[in-house]
Amino acid sequence: DERNMSQVELSALTGIGKSSISQYLSGKN
């Protein structure tokens, strides 16, 4: 939020799948 970064942008920068980012954000994984 502080960097106005979306899940898609973070996924592209890290090479980590968007679904994984989503699970990290939800606390599921």
PDB file of all heavy atoms in Angstrom:
ATOM      1  N   ASP A   1       0.833  -1.212   0.000  1.00  0.00           N
ATOM      2  CA  ASP A   1       0.000   0.000   0.000  1.00  0.00           C
ATOM      3  C   ASP A   1       0.865   1.259   0.000  1.00  0.00           C
ATOM      4  O   ASP A   1       0.568   2.223  -0.715  1.00  0.00           O
ATOM      5  CB  ASP A   1      -0.940   0.020   1.208  1.00  0.00           C
ATOM      6  CG  ASP A   1      -2.082  -0.979   1.086  1.00  0.00           C
ATOM      7  OD1 ASP A   1      -2.318  -1.494  -0.033  1.00  0.00           O
ATOM      8  OD2 ASP A   1      -2.733  -1.255   2.110  1.00  0.00           O
ATOM      9  N   GLU A   2       1.925   1.264   0.809  1.00  0.00           N
ATOM     10  CA  GLU A   2       2.816   2.433   0.885  1.00  0.00           C
ATOM     11  C   GLU A   2       3.476   2.740  -0.461  1.00  0.00           C
ATOM     12  O   GLU A   2       3.820   3.880  -0.742  1.00  0.00           O
ATOM     13  CB  GLU A   2       3.903   2.201   1.936  1.00  0.00           C
ATOM     14  CG  GLU A   2       3.405   2.272   3.352  1.00  0.00           C
ATOM     15  CD  GLU A   2       4.462   1.869   4.381  1.00  0.00           C
ATOM     16  OE1 GLU A   2       5.577   1.463   3.992  1.00  0.00           O
ATOM     17  OE2 GLU A   2       4.160   1.965   5.581  1.00  0.00           O
ATOM     18  N   ARG A   3       3.644   1.713  -1.270  1.00  0.00           N
ATOM     19  CA  ARG A   3       4.306   1.878  -2.567  1.00  0.00           C
ATOM     20  C   ARG A   3       3.321   1.852  -3.738  1.00  0.00           C
ATOM     21  O   ARG A   3       3.721   1.827  -4.890  1.00  0.00           O
ATOM     22  CB  ARG A   3       5.366   0.793  -2.720  1.00  0.00           C
ATOM     23  CG  ARG A   3       6.548   1.046  -1.793  1.00  0.00           C
ATOM     24  CD  ARG A   3       7.230  -0.244  -1.388  1.00  0.00           C
ATOM     25  NE  ARG A   3       8.293  -0.031  -0.431  1.00  0.00           N
ATOM     26  CZ  ARG A   3       8.124   0.086   0.891  1.00  0.00           C
ATOM     27  NH1 ARG A   3       6.920   0.024   1.407  1.00  0.00           N
ATOM     28  NH2 ARG A   3       9.147   0.259   1.699  1.00  0.00           N
ATOM     29  N   ASN A   4       2.027   1.823  -3.403  1.00  0.00           N
ATOM     30  CA  ASN A   4       0.975   1.752  -4.427  1.00  0.00           C
ATOM     31  C   ASN A   4       1.250   0.630  -5.420  1.00  0.00           C
ATOM     32  O   ASN A   4       1.142   0.820  -6.634  1.00  0.00           O
ATOM     33  CB  ASN A   4       0.829   3.087  -5.163  1.00  0.00           C
ATOM     34  CG  ASN A   4       0.352   4.181  -4.246  1.00  0.00           C
ATOM     35  OD1 ASN A   4      -0.534   3.963  -3.421  1.00  0.00           O
ATOM     36  ND2 ASN A   4       0.956   5.353  -4.365  1.00  0.00           N
ATOM     37  N   MET A   5       1.616  -0.539  -4.898  1.00  0.00           N
ATOM     38  CA  MET A   5       1.960  -1.668  -5.752  1.00  0.00           C
ATOM     39  C   MET A   5       0.857  -2.711  -5.718  1.00  0.00           C
ATOM     40  O   MET A   5       0.388  -3.100  -4.643  1.00  0.00           O
ATOM     41  CB  MET A   5       3.290  -2.282  -5.314  1.00  0.00           C
ATOM     42  CG  MET A   5       3.797  -3.337  -6.281  1.00  0.00           C
ATOM     43  SD  MET A   5       5.423  -3.988  -5.850  1.00  0.00           S
ATOM     44  CE  MET A   5       6.452  -2.564  -6.068  1.00  0.00           C
ATOM     45  N   SER A   6       0.458  -3.166  -6.878  1.00  0.00           N
ATOM     46  CA  SER A   6      -0.575  -4.194  -6.967  1.00  0.00           C
ATOM     47  C   SER A   6       0.053  -5.587  -6.881  1.00  0.00           C
ATOM     48  O   SER A   6       1.270  -5.750  -7.008  1.00  0.00           O
ATOM     49  CB  SER A   6      -1.330  -4.069  -8.286  1.00  0.00           C
ATOM     50  OG  SER A   6      -0.488  -4.446  -9.363  1.00  0.00           O
ATOM     51  N   GLN A   7      -0.805  -6.587  -6.712  1.00  0.00           N
ATOM     52  CA  GLN A   7      -0.337  -7.970  -6.703  1.00  0.00           C
ATOM     53  C   GLN A   7       0.307  -8.337  -8.030  1.00  0.00           C
ATOM     54  O   GLN A   7       1.323  -9.033  -8.065  1.00  0.00           O
ATOM     55  CB  GLN A   7      -1.495  -8.915  -6.409  1.00  0.00           C
ATOM     56  CG  GLN A   7      -2.040  -8.800  -5.009  1.00  0.00           C
ATOM     57  CD  GLN A   7      -3.186  -9.760  -4.764  1.00  0.00           C
ATOM     58  OE1 GLN A   7      -3.206 -10.866  -5.279  1.00  0.00           O
ATOM     59  NE2 GLN A   7      -4.146  -9.331  -3.951  1.00  0.00           N
ATOM     60  N   VAL A   8      -0.271  -7.860  -9.107  1.00  0.00           N
ATOM     61  CA  VAL A   8       0.257  -8.154 -10.446  1.00  0.00           C
ATOM     62  C   VAL A   8       1.654  -7.556 -10.604  1.00  0.00           C
ATOM     63  O   VAL A   8       2.571  -8.212 -11.114  1.00  0.00           O
ATOM     64  CB  VAL A   8      -0.702  -7.619 -11.539  1.00  0.00           C
ATOM     65  CG1 VAL A   8      -0.092  -7.756 -12.916  1.00  0.00           C
ATOM     66  CG2 VAL A   8      -2.038  -8.342 -11.477  1.00  0.00           C
ATOM     67  N   GLU A   9       1.829  -6.319 -10.138  1.00  0.00           N
ATOM     68  CA  GLU A   9       3.136  -5.672 -10.235  1.00  0.00           C
ATOM     69  C   GLU A   9       4.180  -6.389  -9.381  1.00  0.00           C
ATOM     70  O   GLU A   9       5.311  -6.621  -9.825  1.00  0.00           O
ATOM     71  CB  GLU A   9       3.041  -4.200  -9.801  1.00  0.00           C
ATOM     72  CG  GLU A   9       2.246  -3.341 -10.760  1.00  0.00           C
ATOM     73  CD  GLU A   9       1.923  -1.973 -10.192  1.00  0.00           C
ATOM     74  OE1 GLU A   9       1.651  -1.861  -8.971  1.00  0.00           O
ATOM     75  OE2 GLU A   9       1.936  -1.013 -10.975  1.00  0.00           O
ATOM     76  N   LEU A  10       3.794  -6.765  -8.155  1.00  0.00           N
ATOM     77  CA  LEU A  10       4.725  -7.481  -7.283  1.00  0.00           C
ATOM     78  C   LEU A  10       5.076  -8.836  -7.883  1.00  0.00           C
ATOM     79  O   LEU A  10       6.236  -9.246  -7.856  1.00  0.00           O
ATOM     80  CB  LEU A  10       4.125  -7.647  -5.885  1.00  0.00           C
ATOM     81  CG  LEU A  10       5.033  -8.296  -4.845  1.00  0.00           C
ATOM     82  CD1 LEU A  10       6.329  -7.515  -4.665  1.00  0.00           C
ATOM     83  CD2 LEU A  10       4.299  -8.437  -3.511  1.00  0.00           C
ATOM     84  N   SER A  11       4.107  -9.487  -8.464  1.00  0.00           N
ATOM     85  CA  SER A  11       4.344 -10.775  -9.115  1.00  0.00           C
ATOM     86  C   SER A  11       5.346 -10.632 -10.253  1.00  0.00           C
ATOM     87  O   SER A  11       6.271 -11.431 -10.381  1.00  0.00           O
ATOM     88  CB  SER A  11       3.026 -11.348  -9.634  1.00  0.00           C
ATOM     89  OG  SER A  11       3.244 -12.533 -10.354  1.00  0.00           O
ATOM     90  N   ALA A  12       5.176  -9.585 -11.063  1.00  0.00           N
ATOM     91  CA  ALA A  12       6.077  -9.358 -12.197  1.00  0.00           C
ATOM     92  C   ALA A  12       7.501  -9.045 -11.725  1.00  0.00           C
ATOM     93  O   ALA A  12       8.475  -9.505 -12.328  1.00  0.00           O
ATOM     94  CB  ALA A  12       5.550  -8.227 -13.073  1.00  0.00           C
ATOM     95  N   LEU A  13       7.628  -8.284 -10.649  1.00  0.00           N
ATOM     96  CA  LEU A  13       8.948  -7.904 -10.145  1.00  0.00           C
ATOM     97  C   LEU A  13       9.686  -9.057  -9.477  1.00  0.00           C
ATOM     98  O   LEU A  13      10.917  -9.103  -9.496  1.00  0.00           O
ATOM     99  CB  LEU A  13       8.828  -6.750  -9.144  1.00  0.00           C
ATOM    100  CG  LEU A  13       8.508  -5.384  -9.722  1.00  0.00           C
ATOM    101  CD1 LEU A  13       8.188  -4.391  -8.607  1.00  0.00           C
ATOM    102  CD2 LEU A  13       9.677  -4.869 -10.554  1.00  0.00           C
ATOM    103  N   THR A  14       8.942  -9.972  -8.872  1.00  0.00           N
ATOM    104  CA  THR A  14       9.572 -11.050  -8.109  1.00  0.00           C
ATOM    105  C   THR A  14       9.638 -12.384  -8.843  1.00  0.00           C
ATOM    106  O   THR A  14      10.437 -13.243  -8.485  1.00  0.00           O
ATOM    107  CB  THR A  14       8.806 -11.286  -6.792  1.00  0.00           C
ATOM    108  OG1 THR A  14       7.458 -11.659  -7.104  1.00  0.00           O
ATOM    109  CG2 THR A  14       8.845 -10.066  -5.903  1.00  0.00           C
ATOM    110  N   GLY A  15       8.774 -12.563  -9.834  1.00  0.00           N
ATOM    111  CA  GLY A  15       8.693 -13.861 -10.493  1.00  0.00           C
ATOM    112  C   GLY A  15       7.858 -14.860  -9.699  1.00  0.00           C
ATOM    113  O   GLY A  15       7.796 -16.036 -10.021  1.00  0.00           O
ATOM    114  N   ILE A  16       7.215 -14.381  -8.640  1.00  0.00           N
ATOM    115  CA  ILE A  16       6.337 -15.217  -7.817  1.00  0.00           C
ATOM    116  C   ILE A  16       4.926 -15.102  -8.387  1.00  0.00           C
ATOM    117  O   ILE A  16       4.484 -14.009  -8.723  1.00  0.00           O
ATOM    118  CB  ILE A  16       6.362 -14.741  -6.348  1.00  0.00           C
ATOM    119  CG1 ILE A  16       7.771 -14.877  -5.769  1.00  0.00           C
ATOM    120  CG2 ILE A  16       5.351 -15.517  -5.510  1.00  0.00           C
ATOM    121  CD1 ILE A  16       7.953 -14.206  -4.428  1.00  0.00           C
ATOM    122  N   GLY A  17       4.229 -16.211  -8.496  1.00  0.00           N
ATOM    123  CA  GLY A  17       2.892 -16.207  -9.075  1.00  0.00           C
ATOM    124  C   GLY A  17       1.913 -15.326  -8.319  1.00  0.00           C
ATOM    125  O   GLY A  17       1.998 -15.196  -7.090  1.00  0.00           O
ATOM    126  N   LYS A  18       0.979 -14.738  -9.059  1.00  0.00           N
ATOM    127  CA  LYS A  18      -0.022 -13.868  -8.450  1.00  0.00           C
ATOM    128  C   LYS A  18      -0.848 -14.619  -7.412  1.00  0.00           C
ATOM    129  O   LYS A  18      -1.198 -14.079  -6.360  1.00  0.00           O
ATOM    130  CB  LYS A  18      -0.937 -13.261  -9.515  1.00  0.00           C
ATOM    131  CG  LYS A  18      -1.913 -12.244  -8.950  1.00  0.00           C
ATOM    132  CD  LYS A  18      -2.940 -11.814  -9.988  1.00  0.00           C
ATOM    133  CE  LYS A  18      -4.084 -11.066  -9.368  1.00  0.00           C
ATOM    134  NZ  LYS A  18      -4.831 -11.798  -8.351  1.00  0.00           N
ATOM    135  N   SER A  19      -1.143 -15.875  -7.672  1.00  0.00           N
ATOM    136  CA  SER A  19      -1.927 -16.664  -6.714  1.00  0.00           C
ATOM    137  C   SER A  19      -1.153 -16.853  -5.404  1.00  0.00           C
ATOM    138  O   SER A  19      -1.748 -16.822  -4.319  1.00  0.00           O
ATOM    139  CB  SER A  19      -2.319 -18.012  -7.304  1.00  0.00           C
ATOM    140  OG  SER A  19      -1.169 -18.767  -7.620  1.00  0.00           O
ATOM    141  N   SER A  20       0.157 -17.014  -5.493  1.00  0.00           N
ATOM    142  CA  SER A  20       0.968 -17.140  -4.280  1.00  0.00           C
ATOM    143  C   SER A  20       0.964 -15.836  -3.497  1.00  0.00           C
ATOM    144  O   SER A  20       0.807 -15.838  -2.268  1.00  0.00           O
ATOM    145  CB  SER A  20       2.413 -17.522  -4.627  1.00  0.00           C
ATOM    146  OG  SER A  20       2.459 -18.814  -5.178  1.00  0.00           O
ATOM    147  N   ILE A  21       1.111 -14.715  -4.201  1.00  0.00           N
ATOM    148  CA  ILE A  21       1.070 -13.398  -3.550  1.00  0.00           C
ATOM    149  C   ILE A  21      -0.275 -13.234  -2.838  1.00  0.00           C
ATOM    150  O   ILE A  21      -0.330 -12.789  -1.687  1.00  0.00           O
ATOM    151  CB  ILE A  21       1.270 -12.259  -4.570  1.00  0.00           C
ATOM    152  CG1 ILE A  21       2.569 -12.416  -5.347  1.00  0.00           C
ATOM    153  CG2 ILE A  21       1.137 -10.886  -3.901  1.00  0.00           C
ATOM    154  CD1 ILE A  21       3.806 -11.884  -4.742  1.00  0.00           C
ATOM    155  N   SER A  22      -1.358 -13.617  -3.510  1.00  0.00           N
ATOM    156  CA  SER A  22      -2.687 -13.519  -2.927  1.00  0.00           C
ATOM    157  C   SER A  22      -2.790 -14.354  -1.644  1.00  0.00           C
ATOM    158  O   SER A  22      -3.365 -13.911  -0.649  1.00  0.00           O
ATOM    159  CB  SER A  22      -3.730 -13.980  -3.946  1.00  0.00           C
ATOM    160  OG  SER A  22      -5.011 -13.952  -3.389  1.00  0.00           O
ATOM    161  N   GLN A  23      -2.225 -15.550  -1.670  1.00  0.00           N
ATOM    162  CA  GLN A  23      -2.252 -16.408  -0.486  1.00  0.00           C
ATOM    163  C   GLN A  23      -1.413 -15.824   0.646  1.00  0.00           C
ATOM    164  O   GLN A  23      -1.780 -15.936   1.816  1.00  0.00           O
ATOM    165  CB  GLN A  23      -1.784 -17.816  -0.832  1.00  0.00           C
ATOM    166  CG  GLN A  23      -2.780 -18.553  -1.699  1.00  0.00           C
ATOM    167  CD  GLN A  23      -2.301 -19.938  -2.089  1.00  0.00           C
ATOM    168  OE1 GLN A  23      -1.163 -20.313  -1.834  1.00  0.00           O
ATOM    169  NE2 GLN A  23      -3.184 -20.702  -2.722  1.00  0.00           N
ATOM    170  N   TYR A  24      -0.289 -15.182   0.319  1.00  0.00           N
ATOM    171  CA  TYR A  24       0.532 -14.532   1.346  1.00  0.00           C
ATOM    172  C   TYR A  24      -0.248 -13.379   1.984  1.00  0.00           C
ATOM    173  O   TYR A  24      -0.220 -13.190   3.193  1.00  0.00           O
ATOM    174  CB  TYR A  24       1.839 -13.990   0.778  1.00  0.00           C
ATOM    175  CG  TYR A  24       2.726 -15.009   0.089  1.00  0.00           C
ATOM    176  CD1 TYR A  24       3.621 -14.608  -0.885  1.00  0.00           C
ATOM    177  CD2 TYR A  24       2.676 -16.366   0.403  1.00  0.00           C
ATOM    178  CE1 TYR A  24       4.447 -15.518  -1.520  1.00  0.00           C
ATOM    179  CE2 TYR A  24       3.497 -17.284  -0.238  1.00  0.00           C
ATOM    180  CZ  TYR A  24       4.379 -16.856  -1.199  1.00  0.00           C
ATOM    181  OH  TYR A  24       5.196 -17.759  -1.836  1.00  0.00           O
ATOM    182  N   LEU A  25      -0.949 -12.615   1.155  1.00  0.00           N
ATOM    183  CA  LEU A  25      -1.712 -11.469   1.655  1.00  0.00           C
ATOM    184  C   LEU A  25      -2.888 -11.898   2.532  1.00  0.00           C
ATOM    185  O   LEU A  25      -3.237 -11.212   3.480  1.00  0.00           O
ATOM    186  CB  LEU A  25      -2.216 -10.614   0.488  1.00  0.00           C
ATOM    187  CG  LEU A  25      -1.158  -9.752  -0.195  1.00  0.00           C
ATOM    188  CD1 LEU A  25      -1.666  -9.216  -1.522  1.00  0.00           C
ATOM    189  CD2 LEU A  25      -0.739  -8.609   0.720  1.00  0.00           C
ATOM    190  N   SER A  26      -3.484 -13.015   2.206  1.00  0.00           N
ATOM    191  CA  SER A  26      -4.632 -13.491   2.989  1.00  0.00           C
ATOM    192  C   SER A  26      -4.194 -14.208   4.266  1.00  0.00           C
ATOM    193  O   SER A  26      -5.012 -14.460   5.141  1.00  0.00           O
ATOM    194  CB  SER A  26      -5.490 -14.440   2.154  1.00  0.00           C
ATOM    195  OG  SER A  26      -4.809 -15.667   1.938  1.00  0.00           O
ATOM    196  N   GLY A  27      -2.914 -14.540   4.341  1.00  0.00           N
ATOM    197  CA  GLY A  27      -2.411 -15.269   5.495  1.00  0.00           C
ATOM    198  C   GLY A  27      -2.605 -16.765   5.385  1.00  0.00           C
ATOM    199  O   GLY A  27      -2.296 -17.516   6.306  1.00  0.00           O
ATOM    200  N   LYS A  28      -3.105 -17.213   4.233  1.00  0.00           N
ATOM    201  CA  LYS A  28      -3.349 -18.641   4.027  1.00  0.00           C
ATOM    202  C   LYS A  28      -2.035 -19.422   3.991  1.00  0.00           C
ATOM    203  O   LYS A  28      -1.947 -20.516   4.527  1.00  0.00           O
ATOM    204  CB  LYS A  28      -4.125 -18.847   2.736  1.00  0.00           C
ATOM    205  CG  LYS A  28      -4.547 -20.269   2.485  1.00  0.00           C
ATOM    206  CD  LYS A  28      -5.432 -20.390   1.271  1.00  0.00           C
ATOM    207  CE  LYS A  28      -5.886 -21.815   1.059  1.00  0.00           C
ATOM    208  NZ  LYS A  28      -6.788 -21.942  -0.072  1.00  0.00           N
ATOM    209  N   ASN A  29      -1.018 -18.842   3.362  1.00  0.00           N
ATOM    210  CA  ASN A  29       0.312 -19.439   3.276  1.00  0.00           C
ATOM    211  C   ASN A  29       1.358 -18.394   3.616  1.00  0.00           C
ATOM    212  O   ASN A  29       1.127 -17.200   3.439  1.00  0.00           O
ATOM    213  CB  ASN A  29       0.597 -19.973   1.869  1.00  0.00           C
ATOM    214  CG  ASN A  29      -0.146 -21.252   1.569  1.00  0.00           C
ATOM    215  OD1 ASN A  29      -0.383 -22.065   2.447  1.00  0.00           O
ATOM    216  ND2 ASN A  29      -0.522 -21.420   0.318  1.00  0.00           N
TER     217      ASN A  29
END
